[in-house]
């Protein structure tokens, strides 16, 4: 997953475009790559809708905290 702070480098968009082209070229040529995407990226590539469970791969702590908030009564926290 791209780093959320990548914007600090002025050419960060060009880097993403470049790596996208490299991955696309490798796939087109039938080369196997030893890199992995989070499950949500694969789902977006094939057109599936994302759900709450997909957040677990991206940010596990945020997922756990939100899941706890869904399962418990938050009125006690004020």
PDB file of N, CA and C in Angstrom:
ATOM      1  N   UNK A   1       0.846  -1.175   0.000  1.00  0.00           N
ATOM      2  CA  UNK A   1       0.000   0.000   0.000  1.00  0.00           C
ATOM      3  C   UNK A   1       0.887   1.232   0.000  1.00  0.00           C
ATOM      4  N   UNK A   2       0.565   2.228  -0.805  1.00  0.00           N
ATOM      5  CA  UNK A   2       1.381   3.440  -0.820  1.00  0.00           C
ATOM      6  C   UNK A   2       1.412   4.120   0.550  1.00  0.00           C
ATOM      7  N   UNK A   3       2.529   4.705   0.857  1.00  0.00           N
ATOM      8  CA  UNK A   3       2.699   5.409   2.112  1.00  0.00           C
ATOM      9  C   UNK A   3       1.845   6.675   2.110  1.00  0.00           C
ATOM     10  N   UNK A   4       1.136   6.940   3.207  1.00  0.00           N
ATOM     11  CA  UNK A   4       0.271   8.111   3.300  1.00  0.00           C
ATOM     12  C   UNK A   4       1.052   9.412   3.285  1.00  0.00           C
ATOM     13  N   UNK A   5       2.331   9.363   3.580  1.00  0.00           N
ATOM     14  CA  UNK A   5       3.144  10.582   3.619  1.00  0.00           C
ATOM     15  C   UNK A   5       4.000  10.736   2.364  1.00  0.00           C
ATOM     16  N   UNK A   6       3.663  10.034   1.302  1.00  0.00           N
ATOM     17  CA  UNK A   6       4.454  10.109   0.078  1.00  0.00           C
ATOM     18  C   UNK A   6       4.374  11.484  -0.575  1.00  0.00           C
ATOM     19  N   UNK A   7       3.370  12.272  -0.217  1.00  0.00           N
ATOM     20  CA  UNK A   7       3.189  13.591  -0.815  1.00  0.00           C
ATOM     21  C   UNK A   7       4.334  14.550  -0.494  1.00  0.00           C
ATOM     22  N   UNK A   8       5.170  14.226   0.472  1.00  0.00           N
ATOM     23  CA  UNK A   8       6.247  15.137   0.836  1.00  0.00           C
ATOM     24  C   UNK A   8       7.289  15.258  -0.273  1.00  0.00           C
ATOM     25  N   UNK A   9       7.375  14.265  -1.129  1.00  0.00           N
ATOM     26  CA  UNK A   9       8.298  14.335  -2.260  1.00  0.00           C
ATOM     27  C   UNK A   9       7.539  14.936  -3.442  1.00  0.00           C
ATOM     28  N   UNK A  10       8.077  15.959  -4.083  1.00  0.00           N
ATOM     29  CA  UNK A  10       7.334  16.651  -5.141  1.00  0.00           C
ATOM     30  C   UNK A  10       7.000  15.774  -6.357  1.00  0.00           C
ATOM     31  N   UNK A  11       7.762  14.709  -6.597  1.00  0.00           N
ATOM     32  CA  UNK A  11       7.514  13.854  -7.765  1.00  0.00           C
ATOM     33  C   UNK A  11       6.814  12.548  -7.414  1.00  0.00           C
ATOM     34  N   UNK A  12       6.119  12.501  -6.276  1.00  0.00           N
ATOM     35  CA  UNK A  12       5.540  11.232  -5.827  1.00  0.00           C
ATOM     36  C   UNK A  12       4.543  10.657  -6.820  1.00  0.00           C
ATOM     37  N   UNK A  13       3.779  11.479  -7.517  1.00  0.00           N
ATOM     38  CA  UNK A  13       2.815  10.969  -8.498  1.00  0.00           C
ATOM     39  C   UNK A  13       3.549  10.314  -9.666  1.00  0.00           C
ATOM     40  N   UNK A  14       4.647  10.898 -10.083  1.00  0.00           N
ATOM     41  CA  UNK A  14       5.427  10.311 -11.174  1.00  0.00           C
ATOM     42  C   UNK A  14       5.998   8.962 -10.768  1.00  0.00           C
ATOM     43  N   UNK A  15       6.376   8.807  -9.495  1.00  0.00           N
ATOM     44  CA  UNK A  15       6.891   7.522  -9.015  1.00  0.00           C
ATOM     45  C   UNK A  15       5.801   6.453  -9.067  1.00  0.00           C
ATOM     46  N   UNK A  16       4.592   6.811  -8.637  1.00  0.00           N
ATOM     47  CA  UNK A  16       3.485   5.854  -8.688  1.00  0.00           C
ATOM     48  C   UNK A  16       3.169   5.470 -10.129  1.00  0.00           C
ATOM     49  N   UNK A  17       3.193   6.435 -11.007  1.00  0.00           N
ATOM     50  CA  UNK A  17       2.922   6.163 -12.419  1.00  0.00           C
ATOM     51  C   UNK A  17       4.000   5.233 -12.991  1.00  0.00           C
ATOM     52  N   UNK A  18       5.249   5.501 -12.636  1.00  0.00           N
ATOM     53  CA  UNK A  18       6.344   4.669 -13.123  1.00  0.00           C
ATOM     54  C   UNK A  18       6.207   3.231 -12.641  1.00  0.00           C
ATOM     55  N   UNK A  19       6.003   3.029 -11.347  1.00  0.00           N
ATOM     56  CA  UNK A  19       5.912   1.663 -10.832  1.00  0.00           C
ATOM     57  C   UNK A  19       4.684   0.954 -11.394  1.00  0.00           C
ATOM     58  N   UNK A  20       3.616   1.706 -11.642  1.00  0.00           N
ATOM     59  CA  UNK A  20       2.444   1.116 -12.285  1.00  0.00           C
ATOM     60  C   UNK A  20       2.760   0.620 -13.677  1.00  0.00           C
ATOM     61  N   UNK A  21       3.534   1.391 -14.406  1.00  0.00           N
ATOM     62  CA  UNK A  21       3.933   0.968 -15.753  1.00  0.00           C
ATOM     63  C   UNK A  21       4.857  -0.237 -15.712  1.00  0.00           C
ATOM     64  N   UNK A  22       5.762  -0.267 -14.747  1.00  0.00           N
ATOM     65  CA  UNK A  22       6.667  -1.416 -14.612  1.00  0.00           C
ATOM     66  C   UNK A  22       5.870  -2.682 -14.312  1.00  0.00           C
ATOM     67  N   UNK A  23       4.939  -2.596 -13.383  1.00  0.00           N
ATOM     68  CA  UNK A  23       4.115  -3.763 -13.038  1.00  0.00           C
ATOM     69  C   UNK A  23       3.254  -4.170 -14.229  1.00  0.00           C
ATOM     70  N   UNK A  24       2.655  -3.178 -14.916  1.00  0.00           N
ATOM     71  CA  UNK A  24       1.845  -3.481 -16.088  1.00  0.00           C
ATOM     72  C   UNK A  24       2.653  -4.156 -17.177  1.00  0.00           C
ATOM     73  N   UNK A  25       3.865  -3.678 -17.431  1.00  0.00           N
ATOM     74  CA  UNK A  25       4.741  -4.272 -18.449  1.00  0.00           C
ATOM     75  C   UNK A  25       5.108  -5.698 -18.074  1.00  0.00           C
ATOM     76  N   UNK A  26       5.420  -5.915 -16.805  1.00  0.00           N
ATOM     77  CA  UNK A  26       5.774  -7.264 -16.353  1.00  0.00           C
ATOM     78  C   UNK A  26       4.595  -8.214 -16.529  1.00  0.00           C
ATOM     79  N   UNK A  27       3.401  -7.765 -16.191  1.00  0.00           N
ATOM     80  CA  UNK A  27       2.221  -8.613 -16.363  1.00  0.00           C
ATOM     81  C   UNK A  27       1.959  -8.894 -17.836  1.00  0.00           C
ATOM     82  N   UNK A  28       2.119  -7.887 -18.664  1.00  0.00           N
ATOM     83  CA  UNK A  28       1.903  -8.032 -20.097  1.00  0.00           C
ATOM     84  C   UNK A  28       2.890  -9.035 -20.696  1.00  0.00           C
ATOM     85  N   UNK A  29       4.132  -9.010 -20.227  1.00  0.00           N
ATOM     86  CA  UNK A  29       5.175  -9.897 -20.734  1.00  0.00           C
ATOM     87  C   UNK A  29       5.127 -11.285 -20.084  1.00  0.00           C
ATOM     88  N   UNK A  30       4.242 -11.465 -19.095  1.00  0.00           N
ATOM     89  CA  UNK A  30       4.118 -12.760 -18.438  1.00  0.00           C
ATOM     90  C   UNK A  30       5.183 -13.020 -17.390  1.00  0.00           C
ATOM     91  N   UNK A  31       5.810 -11.972 -16.882  1.00  0.00           N
ATOM     92  CA  UNK A  31       6.839 -12.127 -15.845  1.00  0.00           C
ATOM     93  C   UNK A  31       6.174 -12.224 -14.476  1.00  0.00           C
ATOM     94  N   UNK A  32       6.722 -13.082 -13.653  1.00  0.00           N
ATOM     95  CA  UNK A  32       6.231 -13.202 -12.285  1.00  0.00           C
ATOM     96  C   UNK A  32       6.953 -12.179 -11.415  1.00  0.00           C
ATOM     97  N   UNK A  33       6.212 -11.521 -10.568  1.00  0.00           N
ATOM     98  CA  UNK A  33       6.782 -10.519  -9.674  1.00  0.00           C
ATOM     99  C   UNK A  33       6.652 -10.998  -8.240  1.00  0.00           C
ATOM    100  N   UNK A  34       7.667 -10.754  -7.450  1.00  0.00           N
ATOM    101  CA  UNK A  34       7.628 -11.100  -6.039  1.00  0.00           C
ATOM    102  C   UNK A  34       7.178  -9.895  -5.240  1.00  0.00           C
ATOM    103  N   UNK A  35       5.997  -9.421  -5.530  1.00  0.00           N
ATOM    104  CA  UNK A  35       5.420  -8.314  -4.770  1.00  0.00           C
ATOM    105  C   UNK A  35       3.943  -8.628  -4.570  1.00  0.00           C
ATOM    106  N   UNK A  36       3.403  -8.097  -3.527  1.00  0.00           N
ATOM    107  CA  UNK A  36       2.024  -8.398  -3.187  1.00  0.00           C
ATOM    108  C   UNK A  36       1.284  -7.109  -2.860  1.00  0.00           C
ATOM    109  N   UNK A  37       0.018  -7.082  -3.188  1.00  0.00           N
ATOM    110  CA  UNK A  37      -0.837  -5.955  -2.856  1.00  0.00           C
ATOM    111  C   UNK A  37      -1.745  -6.359  -1.703  1.00  0.00           C
ATOM    112  N   UNK A  38      -2.282  -5.375  -1.020  1.00  0.00           N
ATOM    113  CA  UNK A  38      -3.294  -5.700  -0.019  1.00  0.00           C
ATOM    114  C   UNK A  38      -4.540  -6.181  -0.749  1.00  0.00           C
ATOM    115  N   UNK A  39      -5.342  -6.962  -0.062  1.00  0.00           N
ATOM    116  CA  UNK A  39      -6.519  -7.574  -0.670  1.00  0.00           C
ATOM    117  C   UNK A  39      -7.455  -6.546  -1.304  1.00  0.00           C
ATOM    118  N   UNK A  40      -7.553  -5.359  -0.722  1.00  0.00           N
ATOM    119  CA  UNK A  40      -8.464  -4.350  -1.250  1.00  0.00           C
ATOM    120  C   UNK A  40      -8.037  -3.878  -2.640  1.00  0.00           C
ATOM    121  N   UNK A  41      -6.740  -3.848  -2.927  1.00  0.00           N
ATOM    122  CA  UNK A  41      -6.265  -3.455  -4.265  1.00  0.00           C
ATOM    123  C   UNK A  41      -6.700  -4.498  -5.286  1.00  0.00           C
ATOM    124  N   UNK A  42      -6.555  -5.771  -4.957  1.00  0.00           N
ATOM    125  CA  UNK A  42      -6.997  -6.832  -5.873  1.00  0.00           C
ATOM    126  C   UNK A  42      -8.496  -6.721  -6.144  1.00  0.00           C
ATOM    127  N   UNK A  43      -9.265  -6.468  -5.092  1.00  0.00           N
ATOM    128  CA  UNK A  43     -10.715  -6.359  -5.264  1.00  0.00           C
ATOM    129  C   UNK A  43     -11.070  -5.183  -6.175  1.00  0.00           C
ATOM    130  N   UNK A  44     -10.359  -4.059  -6.028  1.00  0.00           N
ATOM    131  CA  UNK A  44     -10.626  -2.910  -6.888  1.00  0.00           C
ATOM    132  C   UNK A  44     -10.248  -3.214  -8.339  1.00  0.00           C
ATOM    133  N   UNK A  45      -9.158  -3.954  -8.544  1.00  0.00           N
ATOM    134  CA  UNK A  45      -8.718  -4.291  -9.893  1.00  0.00           C
ATOM    135  C   UNK A  45      -9.734  -5.153 -10.639  1.00  0.00           C
ATOM    136  N   UNK A  46     -10.401  -6.048  -9.907  1.00  0.00           N
ATOM    137  CA  UNK A  46     -11.378  -6.914 -10.578  1.00  0.00           C
ATOM    138  C   UNK A  46     -12.807  -6.377 -10.471  1.00  0.00           C
ATOM    139  N   UNK A  47     -12.960  -5.213  -9.875  1.00  0.00           N
ATOM    140  CA  UNK A  47     -14.263  -4.559  -9.848  1.00  0.00           C
ATOM    141  C   UNK A  47     -15.186  -4.984  -8.723  1.00  0.00           C
ATOM    142  N   UNK A  48     -14.673  -5.643  -7.699  1.00  0.00           N
ATOM    143  CA  UNK A  48     -15.511  -6.015  -6.564  1.00  0.00           C
ATOM    144  C   UNK A  48     -15.643  -4.836  -5.607  1.00  0.00           C
ATOM    145  N   UNK A  49     -16.762  -4.793  -4.903  1.00  0.00           N
ATOM    146  CA  UNK A  49     -16.974  -3.737  -3.920  1.00  0.00           C
ATOM    147  C   UNK A  49     -16.188  -4.049  -2.650  1.00  0.00           C
ATOM    148  N   UNK A  50     -15.688  -2.989  -2.045  1.00  0.00           N
ATOM    149  CA  UNK A  50     -14.962  -3.143  -0.787  1.00  0.00           C
ATOM    150  C   UNK A  50     -15.949  -3.179   0.371  1.00  0.00           C
ATOM    151  N   UNK A  51     -15.554  -3.838   1.454  1.00  0.00           N
ATOM    152  CA  UNK A  51     -16.390  -3.863   2.647  1.00  0.00           C
ATOM    153  C   UNK A  51     -15.536  -3.547   3.873  1.00  0.00           C
ATOM    154  N   UNK A  52     -16.171  -3.482   4.995  1.00  0.00           N
ATOM    155  CA  UNK A  52     -15.491  -3.106   6.243  1.00  0.00           C
ATOM    156  C   UNK A  52     -14.341  -4.052   6.568  1.00  0.00           C
ATOM    157  N   UNK A  53     -14.500  -5.321   6.313  1.00  0.00           N
ATOM    158  CA  UNK A  53     -13.479  -6.333   6.629  1.00  0.00           C
ATOM    159  C   UNK A  53     -12.177  -6.062   5.866  1.00  0.00           C
ATOM    160  N   UNK A  54     -12.249  -5.420   4.706  1.00  0.00           N
ATOM    161  CA  UNK A  54     -11.048  -5.117   3.919  1.00  0.00           C
ATOM    162  C   UNK A  54     -10.133  -4.124   4.624  1.00  0.00           C
ATOM    163  N   UNK A  55     -10.673  -3.353   5.540  1.00  0.00           N
ATOM    164  CA  UNK A  55      -9.871  -2.391   6.294  1.00  0.00           C
ATOM    165  C   UNK A  55      -8.845  -3.093   7.179  1.00  0.00           C
ATOM    166  N   UNK A  56      -9.113  -4.335   7.541  1.00  0.00           N
ATOM    167  CA  UNK A  56      -8.217  -5.085   8.418  1.00  0.00           C
ATOM    168  C   UNK A  56      -6.822  -5.230   7.805  1.00  0.00           C
ATOM    169  N   UNK A  57      -6.731  -5.445   6.501  1.00  0.00           N
ATOM    170  CA  UNK A  57      -5.434  -5.585   5.837  1.00  0.00           C
ATOM    171  C   UNK A  57      -4.706  -4.252   5.725  1.00  0.00           C
ATOM    172  N   UNK A  58      -5.442  -3.187   5.603  1.00  0.00           N
ATOM    173  CA  UNK A  58      -4.852  -1.872   5.397  1.00  0.00           C
ATOM    174  C   UNK A  58      -4.335  -1.268   6.704  1.00  0.00           C
ATOM    175  N   UNK A  59      -5.181  -1.263   7.735  1.00  0.00           N
ATOM    176  CA  UNK A  59      -4.808  -0.695   9.036  1.00  0.00           C
ATOM    177  C   UNK A  59      -5.479  -1.531  10.117  1.00  0.00           C
ATOM    178  N   UNK A  60      -4.752  -2.502  10.628  1.00  0.00           N
ATOM    179  CA  UNK A  60      -5.318  -3.459  11.571  1.00  0.00           C
ATOM    180  C   UNK A  60      -5.766  -2.799  12.868  1.00  0.00           C
ATOM    181  N   UNK A  61      -4.995  -1.832  13.362  1.00  0.00           N
ATOM    182  CA  UNK A  61      -5.380  -1.155  14.608  1.00  0.00           C
ATOM    183  C   UNK A  61      -6.683  -0.367  14.427  1.00  0.00           C
ATOM    184  N   UNK A  62      -6.796   0.363  13.343  1.00  0.00           N
ATOM    185  CA  UNK A  62      -8.027   1.100  13.075  1.00  0.00           C
ATOM    186  C   UNK A  62      -9.206   0.144  12.952  1.00  0.00           C
ATOM    187  N   UNK A  63      -9.006  -0.973  12.250  1.00  0.00           N
ATOM    188  CA  UNK A  63     -10.068  -1.971  12.103  1.00  0.00           C
ATOM    189  C   UNK A  63     -10.524  -2.485  13.464  1.00  0.00           C
ATOM    190  N   UNK A  64      -9.566  -2.844  14.318  1.00  0.00           N
ATOM    191  CA  UNK A  64      -9.916  -3.375  15.643  1.00  0.00           C
ATOM    192  C   UNK A  64     -10.691  -2.347  16.464  1.00  0.00           C
ATOM    193  N   UNK A  65     -10.236  -1.099  16.432  1.00  0.00           N
ATOM    194  CA  UNK A  65     -10.899  -0.059  17.214  1.00  0.00           C
ATOM    195  C   UNK A  65     -12.311   0.219  16.703  1.00  0.00           C
ATOM    196  N   UNK A  66     -12.474   0.288  15.398  1.00  0.00           N
ATOM    197  CA  UNK A  66     -13.816   0.519  14.846  1.00  0.00           C
ATOM    198  C   UNK A  66     -14.729  -0.676  15.087  1.00  0.00           C
ATOM    199  N   UNK A  67     -14.179  -1.890  14.962  1.00  0.00           N
ATOM    200  CA  UNK A  67     -14.979  -3.090  15.222  1.00  0.00           C
ATOM    201  C   UNK A  67     -15.431  -3.121  16.683  1.00  0.00           C
ATOM    202  N   UNK A  68     -14.538  -2.724  17.587  1.00  0.00           N
ATOM    203  CA  UNK A  68     -14.912  -2.668  18.995  1.00  0.00           C
ATOM    204  C   UNK A  68     -16.027  -1.650  19.189  1.00  0.00           C
ATOM    205  N   UNK A  69     -15.934  -0.503  18.519  1.00  0.00           N
ATOM    206  CA  UNK A  69     -16.964   0.526  18.630  1.00  0.00           C
ATOM    207  C   UNK A  69     -18.306   0.065  18.092  1.00  0.00           C
ATOM    208  N   UNK A  70     -18.276  -0.764  17.066  1.00  0.00           N
ATOM    209  CA  UNK A  70     -19.529  -1.285  16.496  1.00  0.00           C
ATOM    210  C   UNK A  70     -20.152  -2.302  17.444  1.00  0.00           C
ATOM    211  N   UNK A  71     -19.323  -3.125  18.064  1.00  0.00           N
ATOM    212  CA  UNK A  71     -19.829  -4.202  18.912  1.00  0.00           C
ATOM    213  C   UNK A  71     -20.217  -3.760  20.323  1.00  0.00           C
ATOM    214  N   UNK A  72     -19.755  -2.600  20.750  1.00  0.00           N
ATOM    215  CA  UNK A  72     -19.995  -2.165  22.128  1.00  0.00           C
ATOM    216  C   UNK A  72     -20.800  -0.870  22.167  1.00  0.00           C
ATOM    217  N   UNK A  73     -21.344  -0.586  23.323  1.00  0.00           N
ATOM    218  CA  UNK A  73     -22.143   0.634  23.527  1.00  0.00           C
ATOM    219  C   UNK A  73     -21.193   1.798  23.793  1.00  0.00           C
ATOM    220  N   UNK A  74     -21.186   2.787  22.892  1.00  0.00           N
ATOM    221  CA  UNK A  74     -20.263   3.910  23.002  1.00  0.00           C
ATOM    222  C   UNK A  74     -20.803   5.043  23.870  1.00  0.00           C
ATOM    223  N   UNK A  75     -22.033   4.961  24.299  1.00  0.00           N
ATOM    224  CA  UNK A  75     -22.588   6.038  25.137  1.00  0.00           C
ATOM    225  C   UNK A  75     -21.908   6.103  26.485  1.00  0.00           C
ATOM    226  N   UNK A  76     -21.326   4.996  26.915  1.00  0.00           N
ATOM    227  CA  UNK A  76     -20.621   4.976  28.198  1.00  0.00           C
ATOM    228  C   UNK A  76     -19.316   5.766  28.143  1.00  0.00           C
ATOM    229  N   UNK A  77     -18.764   5.961  26.974  1.00  0.00           N
ATOM    230  CA  UNK A  77     -17.472   6.660  26.842  1.00  0.00           C
ATOM    231  C   UNK A  77     -17.608   8.175  26.959  1.00  0.00           C
ATOM    232  N   UNK A  78     -18.747   8.702  26.585  1.00  0.00           N
ATOM    233  CA  UNK A  78     -19.027  10.119  26.574  1.00  0.00           C
ATOM    234  C   UNK A  78     -17.986  10.846  25.774  1.00  0.00           C
TER     235      UNK A  78
END
